[in-house]
Protein backbone atom coordinates (compact mmCIF):
# COMPACT_ATOMS: atom_id res chain seq x y z
CA UNK A 1 0.00 0.00 0.00
CA UNK A 2 1.34 3.43 -0.90
CA UNK A 3 2.39 5.77 1.94
CA UNK A 4 -0.36 8.30 1.18
CA UNK A 5 -2.97 5.54 1.26
CA UNK A 6 -1.61 4.27 4.57
CA UNK A 7 -1.78 7.72 6.12
CA UNK A 8 -5.35 8.08 4.88
CA UNK A 9 -6.22 4.73 6.46
CA UNK A 10 -4.61 5.75 9.75
CA UNK A 11 -6.49 9.03 9.79
CA UNK A 12 -9.74 7.24 8.94
CA UNK A 13 -9.11 4.84 11.82
CA UNK A 14 -8.49 7.82 14.10
CA UNK A 15 -11.76 9.41 13.02
CA UNK A 16 -13.61 6.14 13.59
CA UNK A 17 -12.12 5.66 17.06
CA UNK A 18 -12.69 9.22 18.28
CA UNK A 19 -15.42 9.62 20.87
CA UNK A 20 -17.42 12.86 20.91
CA UNK A 21 -15.26 14.35 23.68
CA UNK A 22 -12.35 13.35 25.86
CA UNK A 23 -13.58 10.76 28.32
CA UNK A 24 -11.27 11.60 31.22
CA UNK A 25 -12.84 14.25 33.42
CA UNK A 26 -11.70 16.39 36.30
CA UNK A 27 -11.54 14.29 39.46
CA UNK A 28 -11.33 10.93 37.69
CA UNK A 29 -9.23 8.01 38.85
CA UNK A 30 -8.28 5.96 35.81
CA UNK A 31 -7.24 2.34 36.29
CA UNK A 32 -5.65 0.31 33.51
CA UNK A 33 -6.51 -3.38 33.94
CA UNK A 34 -4.72 -5.99 31.88
CA UNK A 35 -1.92 -8.49 31.54
CA UNK A 36 1.86 -8.11 31.12
CA UNK A 37 1.49 -5.58 28.31
CA UNK A 38 -0.35 -3.30 30.73
CA UNK A 39 2.01 -4.19 33.59
CA UNK A 40 4.92 -2.97 31.43
CA UNK A 41 3.53 0.54 32.08
CA UNK A 42 4.28 1.86 28.59
CA UNK A 43 1.02 2.83 26.89
CA UNK A 44 -0.40 3.89 30.23
CA UNK A 45 2.27 6.60 30.58
CA UNK A 46 1.41 7.92 27.11
CA UNK A 47 -2.22 8.43 28.19
CA UNK A 48 -1.11 10.09 31.44
CA UNK A 49 1.38 12.37 29.67
CA UNK A 50 -1.15 13.43 27.05
CA UNK A 51 -3.77 14.23 29.68
CA UNK A 52 -1.34 16.36 31.67
CA UNK A 53 -0.34 18.37 28.60
CA UNK A 54 -3.72 18.83 26.97
CA UNK A 55 -5.82 19.26 30.10
CA UNK A 56 -3.48 20.68 32.77
CA UNK A 57 -6.38 21.98 34.86
CA UNK A 58 -8.00 18.56 35.17
CA UNK A 59 -6.98 16.56 38.21
CA UNK A 60 -6.83 12.97 36.97
CA UNK A 61 -5.18 10.14 38.90
CA UNK A 62 -3.72 7.14 37.05
CA UNK A 63 -3.34 3.61 38.44
CA UNK A 64 -1.88 0.50 36.84
CA UNK A 65 -3.55 -2.84 37.53
CA UNK A 66 -1.65 -4.93 35.00
CA UNK A 67 -0.47 -8.38 35.99
CA UNK A 68 1.66 -10.67 33.88
CA UNK A 69 -0.10 -13.79 32.57
CA UNK A 70 -3.54 -12.62 33.68
CA UNK A 71 -6.84 -13.15 31.89
CA UNK A 72 -10.29 -11.56 31.88
CA UNK A 73 -11.56 -14.42 34.03
CA UNK A 74 -8.51 -14.72 36.26
CA UNK A 75 -8.48 -11.03 37.20
CA UNK A 76 -11.85 -11.38 38.95
CA UNK A 77 -10.01 -12.68 42.01
CA UNK A 78 -8.18 -9.37 42.40
CA UNK A 79 -10.75 -6.98 40.93
CA UNK A 80 -11.91 -5.72 44.32
CA UNK A 81 -8.38 -5.13 45.64
CA UNK A 82 -6.78 -3.65 42.53
CA UNK A 83 -9.69 -1.78 40.94
CA UNK A 84 -12.93 -1.41 42.88
CA UNK A 85 -11.34 -0.49 46.22
CA UNK A 86 -9.02 2.10 44.66
CA UNK A 87 -11.62 4.79 44.00
CA UNK A 88 -11.62 3.99 40.29
CA UNK A 89 -14.03 6.04 38.18
CA UNK A 90 -12.75 5.02 34.72
CA UNK A 91 -11.55 1.52 33.87
CA UNK A 92 -9.86 0.35 30.68
CA UNK A 93 -9.65 -3.42 30.23
CA UNK A 94 -7.24 -5.12 27.80
CA UNK A 95 -7.11 -8.92 27.85
CA UNK A 96 -7.11 -11.65 25.24
CA UNK A 97 -3.82 -13.29 24.36
CA UNK A 98 -3.44 -15.20 27.67
CA UNK A 99 -7.15 -16.07 27.61
CA UNK A 100 -6.47 -18.34 24.63
CA UNK A 101 -3.04 -19.46 25.84
CA UNK A 102 -1.14 -17.61 23.09
CA UNK A 103 -3.27 -19.56 20.62
CA UNK A 104 -2.91 -23.00 22.22
CA UNK A 105 -6.33 -22.72 23.92
CA UNK A 106 -8.31 -21.01 21.17
CA UNK A 107 -11.44 -23.04 21.78
CA UNK A 108 -15.04 -22.51 22.81
CA UNK A 109 -14.35 -23.26 26.49
CA UNK A 110 -11.72 -20.55 26.88
CA UNK A 111 -13.68 -18.16 24.67
CA UNK A 112 -16.63 -18.51 27.05
CA UNK A 113 -14.40 -17.96 30.07
CA UNK A 114 -13.18 -14.75 28.45
CA UNK A 115 -16.72 -13.55 27.76
CA UNK A 116 -17.87 -14.49 31.26
CA UNK A 117 -14.93 -12.54 32.67
CA UNK A 118 -15.76 -9.47 30.58
CA UNK A 119 -19.37 -9.64 31.73
CA UNK A 120 -18.40 -9.85 35.41
CA UNK A 121 -15.85 -7.03 35.12
CA UNK A 122 -18.45 -4.75 33.55
CA UNK A 123 -21.30 -5.60 35.92
CA UNK A 124 -19.24 -5.43 39.11
CA UNK A 125 -17.65 -2.15 38.02
CA UNK A 126 -20.95 -0.58 37.02
CA UNK A 127 -22.33 -1.29 40.49
CA UNK A 128 -19.62 1.08 41.78
CA UNK A 129 -20.45 3.73 39.18
CA UNK A 130 -17.28 3.07 37.16
CA UNK A 131 -17.23 3.97 33.47
CA UNK A 132 -15.82 0.92 31.70
CA UNK A 133 -13.98 0.67 28.37
CA UNK A 134 -13.50 -2.89 27.16
CA UNK A 135 -10.61 -2.98 24.67
CA UNK A 136 -9.52 -5.52 22.15
CA UNK A 137 -5.96 -6.64 22.96
CA UNK A 138 -2.70 -5.35 21.55
CA UNK A 139 -1.76 -6.90 18.24
CA UNK A 140 0.80 -9.68 17.94
CA UNK A 141 3.44 -9.86 15.22
CA UNK A 142 1.15 -12.07 13.15
CA UNK A 143 0.42 -10.87 9.62
CA UNK A 144 -2.17 -8.10 9.95
CA UNK A 145 -4.36 -9.52 7.18
CA UNK A 146 -4.38 -12.95 8.82
CA UNK A 147 -4.93 -11.58 12.32
CA UNK A 148 -7.86 -9.49 11.13
CA UNK A 149 -9.80 -12.73 10.59
CA UNK A 150 -8.22 -14.70 13.42
CA UNK A 151 -9.73 -16.26 16.52
CA UNK A 152 -8.38 -13.58 18.85
CA UNK A 153 -9.96 -10.69 16.95
CA UNK A 154 -13.28 -12.51 16.59
CA UNK A 155 -13.34 -13.27 20.32
CA UNK A 156 -12.43 -9.67 21.14
CA UNK A 157 -15.21 -8.44 18.86
CA UNK A 158 -17.67 -10.55 20.82
CA UNK A 159 -16.32 -9.18 24.09
CA UNK A 160 -16.66 -5.58 22.93
CA UNK A 161 -20.18 -6.23 21.63
CA UNK A 162 -21.11 -7.80 24.98
CA UNK A 163 -19.73 -4.76 26.82
CA UNK A 164 -21.78 -2.39 24.67
CA UNK A 165 -24.92 -4.46 25.23
CA UNK A 166 -24.39 -3.95 28.97
CA UNK A 167 -24.03 -0.19 28.61
CA UNK A 168 -20.23 -0.05 28.74
CA UNK A 169 -17.96 1.39 26.05
CA UNK A 170 -15.43 -0.33 23.82
CA UNK A 171 -12.20 0.58 22.05
CA UNK A 172 -10.92 -1.57 19.20
CA UNK A 173 -7.24 -1.28 20.02
CA UNK A 174 -6.35 -4.23 17.79
CA UNK A 175 -7.62 -2.69 14.55
CA UNK A 176 -6.24 0.73 15.43
CA UNK A 177 -2.77 -0.72 16.00
CA UNK A 178 -3.11 -2.93 12.94
CA UNK A 179 -3.22 0.10 10.64
CA UNK A 180 0.10 1.20 12.08
CA UNK A 181 1.42 -2.34 11.70
CA UNK A 182 0.45 -2.38 8.03
CA UNK A 183 2.48 0.76 7.50
CA UNK A 184 5.49 -0.85 9.16
CA UNK A 185 5.09 -4.07 7.17
CA UNK A 186 4.89 -2.12 3.91
CA UNK A 187 8.09 -0.19 4.69
CA UNK A 188 9.94 -3.33 5.79
CA UNK A 189 9.07 -5.00 2.50
CA UNK A 190 11.13 -2.31 0.75
CA UNK A 191 14.15 -2.83 3.03
CA UNK A 192 16.35 -5.78 2.06
CA UNK A 193 18.43 -5.82 5.25
CA UNK A 194 16.29 -7.26 8.07
CA UNK A 195 18.55 -5.54 10.59
CA UNK A 196 17.00 -2.26 9.47
CA UNK A 197 13.41 -3.45 9.80
CA UNK A 198 11.11 -1.59 12.15
CA UNK A 199 9.31 -3.68 14.75
CA UNK A 200 6.48 -3.19 17.20
CA UNK A 201 7.34 -6.25 19.31
CA UNK A 202 10.22 -7.91 21.10
CA UNK A 203 11.46 -11.26 19.81
CA UNK A 204 8.53 -13.31 21.14
CA UNK A 205 6.16 -11.47 18.79
CA UNK A 206 3.66 -10.80 21.57
CA UNK A 207 5.11 -8.30 24.00
CA UNK A 208 5.43 -4.75 22.73
CA UNK A 209 8.63 -2.74 22.40
CA UNK A 210 8.63 1.02 22.98
CA UNK A 211 7.21 1.79 19.54
CA UNK A 212 4.49 -0.81 20.05
CA UNK A 213 3.59 0.69 23.42
CA UNK A 214 3.39 4.13 21.79
CA UNK A 215 1.11 2.70 19.11
CA UNK A 216 -1.16 1.22 21.76
CA UNK A 217 -1.23 4.41 23.82
CA UNK A 218 -2.02 6.42 20.70
CA UNK A 219 -4.87 4.11 19.72
CA UNK A 220 -6.29 4.13 23.23
CA UNK A 221 -6.22 7.93 23.32
CA UNK A 222 -8.20 8.07 20.09
CA UNK A 223 -10.77 5.72 21.58
CA UNK A 224 -11.04 7.92 24.66
CA UNK A 225 -11.89 10.88 22.44
CA UNK A 226 -8.60 12.75 22.60
CA UNK A 227 -9.13 15.86 20.45
CA UNK A 228 -7.05 16.24 17.32
CA UNK A 229 -6.54 19.99 17.65
CA UNK A 230 -4.65 21.65 20.47
CA UNK A 231 -5.20 25.27 19.42
CA UNK A 232 -5.09 27.44 16.33
CA UNK A 233 -4.25 31.09 15.65
CA UNK A 234 -5.00 32.91 12.42
CA UNK A 235 -3.65 36.45 12.00
CA UNK A 236 -3.80 39.00 9.21
CA UNK A 237 -0.50 40.85 9.06
CA UNK A 238 -1.49 43.99 7.05
CA UNK A 239 -4.37 44.88 9.38
CA UNK A 240 -2.79 43.48 12.58
CA UNK A 241 -6.04 41.62 13.18
CA UNK A 242 -6.70 38.35 14.96
CA UNK A 243 -8.95 36.57 12.49
CA UNK A 244 -9.55 33.63 14.84
CA UNK A 245 -8.11 32.06 17.97
CA UNK A 246 -9.34 28.58 18.88
CA UNK A 247 -8.64 27.18 22.36
CA UNK A 248 -6.27 30.07 23.04
CA UNK A 249 -6.13 33.85 23.31
CA UNK A 250 -3.96 36.32 21.41
CA UNK A 251 -2.79 39.62 22.86
CA UNK A 252 -0.17 42.33 22.33
CA UNK A 253 -0.34 42.02 18.56
CA UNK A 254 2.11 44.55 17.10
CA UNK A 255 3.96 45.42 13.95
CA UNK A 256 7.73 44.95 13.94
CA UNK A 257 10.15 46.55 11.46
CA UNK A 258 10.42 43.24 9.59
CA UNK A 259 7.35 41.28 10.68
CA UNK A 260 4.86 40.99 13.55
CA UNK A 261 4.86 40.06 17.23
CA UNK A 262 2.16 38.81 19.60
CA UNK A 263 1.48 36.77 22.71
CA UNK A 264 -0.38 33.46 22.67
CA UNK A 265 -1.91 31.79 25.73
CA UNK A 266 -3.15 28.24 25.12
CA UNK A 267 -5.61 26.19 27.15
CA UNK A 268 -3.51 23.08 26.66
CA UNK A 269 -0.28 22.08 24.91
CA UNK A 270 0.89 19.49 22.39
CA UNK A 271 2.27 16.07 23.28
CA UNK A 272 5.99 15.76 22.59
CA UNK A 273 8.04 12.83 23.82
CA UNK A 274 11.65 13.92 23.73
CA UNK A 275 14.44 14.51 21.23
CA UNK A 276 13.95 12.52 18.01
CA UNK A 277 10.48 11.36 19.01
CA UNK A 278 9.14 12.97 15.83
CA UNK A 279 10.82 10.14 13.91
CA UNK A 280 7.98 7.93 15.13
CA UNK A 281 5.46 10.13 13.33
CA UNK A 282 6.35 8.22 10.18
CA UNK A 283 4.46 5.29 11.69
CA UNK A 284 2.08 6.96 14.11
CA UNK A 285 0.47 10.15 12.76
CA UNK A 286 0.35 12.06 16.03
CA UNK A 287 0.63 15.50 14.35
CA UNK A 288 -2.34 14.87 12.06
CA UNK A 289 -4.66 13.22 14.56
CA UNK A 290 -3.69 14.39 18.07
CA UNK A 291 -1.34 17.35 17.90
CA UNK A 292 -2.69 20.21 15.81
CA UNK A 293 -0.91 23.34 17.09
CA UNK A 294 -1.61 25.77 14.27
CA UNK A 295 -0.17 29.10 13.23
CA UNK A 296 -1.52 30.89 10.15
CA UNK A 297 -0.49 34.39 9.08
CA UNK A 298 -1.84 35.94 5.92
CA UNK A 299 -0.70 39.05 4.09
CA UNK A 300 3.03 38.91 4.78
CA UNK A 301 5.26 40.25 2.04
CA UNK A 302 6.77 37.52 -0.12
CA UNK A 303 9.92 35.96 1.28
CA UNK A 304 11.12 33.72 4.06
CA UNK A 305 10.43 34.30 7.76
CA UNK A 306 11.78 33.05 11.08
CA UNK A 307 9.23 32.05 13.71
CA UNK A 308 10.49 32.46 17.26
CA UNK A 309 8.71 31.72 20.54
CA UNK A 310 10.16 33.12 23.75
CA UNK A 311 13.26 33.90 21.74
CA UNK A 312 13.80 30.33 20.52
CA UNK A 313 13.85 29.67 16.79
CA UNK A 314 11.03 27.27 15.93
CA UNK A 315 11.52 27.20 12.16
CA UNK A 316 11.87 29.12 8.91
CA UNK A 317 8.90 29.32 6.55
CA UNK A 318 7.95 31.13 3.39
CA UNK A 319 5.16 33.71 3.49
CA UNK A 320 3.19 31.34 1.26
CA UNK A 321 3.46 28.49 3.76
CA UNK A 322 2.51 30.71 6.68
CA UNK A 323 -0.51 31.90 4.73
CA UNK A 324 -1.61 28.28 4.28
CA UNK A 325 -0.96 27.56 7.96
CA UNK A 326 1.64 25.45 9.74
CA UNK A 327 1.41 22.84 12.47
CA UNK A 328 4.32 23.82 14.73
CA UNK A 329 3.62 21.31 17.53
CA UNK A 330 6.93 19.48 17.03
CA UNK A 331 8.76 21.98 14.86
CA UNK A 332 12.38 22.64 15.78
CA UNK A 333 15.26 24.43 14.12
CA UNK A 334 17.75 22.16 15.86
CA UNK A 335 17.14 18.42 15.95
CA UNK A 336 19.22 18.13 19.11
CA UNK A 337 16.96 20.49 21.05
CA UNK A 338 13.23 20.99 21.58
CA UNK A 339 11.49 23.59 19.42
CA UNK A 340 9.14 26.01 21.16
CA UNK A 341 8.68 26.26 24.93
CA UNK A 342 5.65 23.93 24.67
CA UNK A 343 8.01 21.24 23.34
CA UNK A 344 10.45 21.76 26.20
CA UNK A 345 7.60 21.67 28.73
CA UNK A 346 6.32 18.39 27.33
CA UNK A 347 9.80 16.85 27.31
CA UNK A 348 10.18 17.86 30.96
CA UNK A 349 6.77 16.46 31.86
CA UNK A 350 7.74 13.16 30.23
CA UNK A 351 10.72 12.89 32.57
CA UNK A 352 8.49 13.53 35.58
CA UNK A 353 5.90 10.99 34.40
CA UNK A 354 8.72 8.46 34.02
CA UNK A 355 10.00 9.30 37.50
CA UNK A 356 6.54 8.91 38.99
CA UNK A 357 6.16 5.59 37.22
CA UNK A 358 9.47 4.33 38.61
CA UNK A 359 8.61 5.45 42.14
CA UNK A 360 5.13 3.94 41.92
CA UNK A 361 6.59 0.73 40.53
CA UNK A 362 9.04 0.47 43.39
CA UNK A 363 6.34 0.73 46.02
CA UNK A 364 4.05 -1.60 44.08
CA UNK A 365 6.83 -4.21 43.95
CA UNK A 366 7.59 -3.80 47.65
CA UNK A 367 3.96 -4.27 48.64
CA UNK A 368 3.75 -7.43 46.55
CA UNK A 369 6.93 -9.11 47.77
CA UNK A 370 8.03 -7.28 50.92
CA UNK A 371 4.73 -6.25 52.44
CA UNK A 372 5.71 -7.47 55.91
CA UNK A 373 8.54 -4.95 56.16
CA UNK A 374 8.48 -3.58 59.76
CA UNK A 375 8.19 -0.01 58.45
CA UNK A 376 5.60 -0.88 55.82
CA UNK A 377 2.99 1.64 56.95
CA UNK A 378 5.52 4.48 57.02
CA UNK A 379 6.94 3.49 53.65
CA UNK A 380 3.48 3.46 52.15
CA UNK A 381 2.76 6.97 53.47
CA UNK A 382 6.08 8.25 52.15
CA UNK A 383 5.46 6.68 48.74
CA UNK A 384 2.02 8.28 48.58
CA UNK A 385 3.47 11.69 49.48
CA UNK A 386 6.16 11.32 46.81
CA UNK A 387 3.55 10.30 44.25
CA UNK A 388 1.36 13.29 45.08
CA UNK A 389 4.35 15.64 44.86
CA UNK A 390 5.38 14.32 41.44
CA UNK A 391 1.85 14.63 40.09
CA UNK A 392 1.67 18.22 41.32
CA UNK A 393 5.05 19.00 39.78
CA UNK A 394 4.06 17.49 36.43
CA UNK A 395 0.82 19.45 36.36
CA UNK A 396 2.66 22.69 37.15
CA UNK A 397 5.26 21.96 34.48
CA UNK A 398 2.53 21.35 31.88
CA UNK A 399 0.61 24.55 32.58
CA UNK A 400 0.63 26.96 29.61
CA UNK A 401 1.84 30.52 29.96
CA UNK A 402 1.72 33.42 27.47
CA UNK A 403 4.38 32.82 24.83
CA UNK A 404 5.89 35.80 23.06
CA UNK A 405 5.98 35.07 19.31
CA UNK A 406 7.96 37.02 16.76
CA UNK A 407 7.67 36.37 13.04
CA UNK A 408 10.46 38.25 11.28
CA UNK A 409 12.03 38.31 7.86
CA UNK A 410 14.78 35.67 7.70
CA UNK A 411 18.31 36.98 7.14
CA UNK A 412 19.67 36.46 3.65
CA UNK A 413 22.32 34.11 5.07
CA UNK A 414 19.73 31.85 6.72
CA UNK A 415 19.60 28.18 5.63
CA UNK A 416 17.04 27.24 2.98
CA UNK A 417 13.43 27.01 4.04
CA UNK A 418 12.51 23.36 4.79
CA UNK A 419 10.09 21.76 2.31
């Protein structure tokens, strides 16, 4: 499939998965329930990071209830302890591969156990007022065309249909990830050296690598209704007029000797995941479907212009390109550094989310295997205080502030405008 067709398919999948509005509300406690892919705490951090950046005023707590080797039926033994008793208000559920024994138990008996487990999870959670999202599982490395018609997908379809019949929601993670997988498979087919192939899994073909976890987090966000557009500004340079400002405000618009300046205050900010993370956009179209941070300026004299935010060079664009509008969410003039301040903020928030995850994981491990420690109660209190402090720090780091933009004529010696 040609690259343009793949991108169109990915965007269509994104549109299909999008709910009417973002499902995570102020005051929610979100619990991710699943097997080892959830316990790896990869895709869950993507959802947390995105929520912090896009909705910094919403207080949302994130908990991980993944357990290696678990199934939809097996998790019922721990559902009260790990989910219902934790103040959960939103629950995502991702099981499947262990339920059929990695394919060795793909039979009616285990299918029914899976469906019975899904039913019990939904009904018991709904009694506590929890909003439930039953997900199809992460893809395996099996051929996407074969997997589309395979036992696991058919069983997951039945589980999602059952959830909807009970009044819960569903997210087809498998098909969302499969569109990304098709793009990877198509590119790999053009690369003769297998050492240069891109993969979504580790060697066992089931557990996800970092790119696979990003693909799952991305697909889950779409299913939760993550909005595609962050904010958009449209200015008319000759009249110094703000034509429109969506999800942001513009102030201090002024004419400069060689361009214009203004301040922009956004409600939320784009998701960026560190230096070189934009390389993953080849596979996962985050800019087109999650990260629209738009700048459009009409009426500039012909020529090339530098866009700076808080003094940092974001990029160089022609007047024609600026008139059409640019998505500057991940734009940078130096691939070794973040672009605008929103990029730096998101990179910093990622580090804090990772730190929180490590700290949470340490206490979670201790409680599982060293719960009789004589200072257990004190350690638990200290871990909770550290967790709260890191969440507060991340939210503060993600909060937008008014950025000073300057759009000025590029010097004649400036490098060529990127195309």
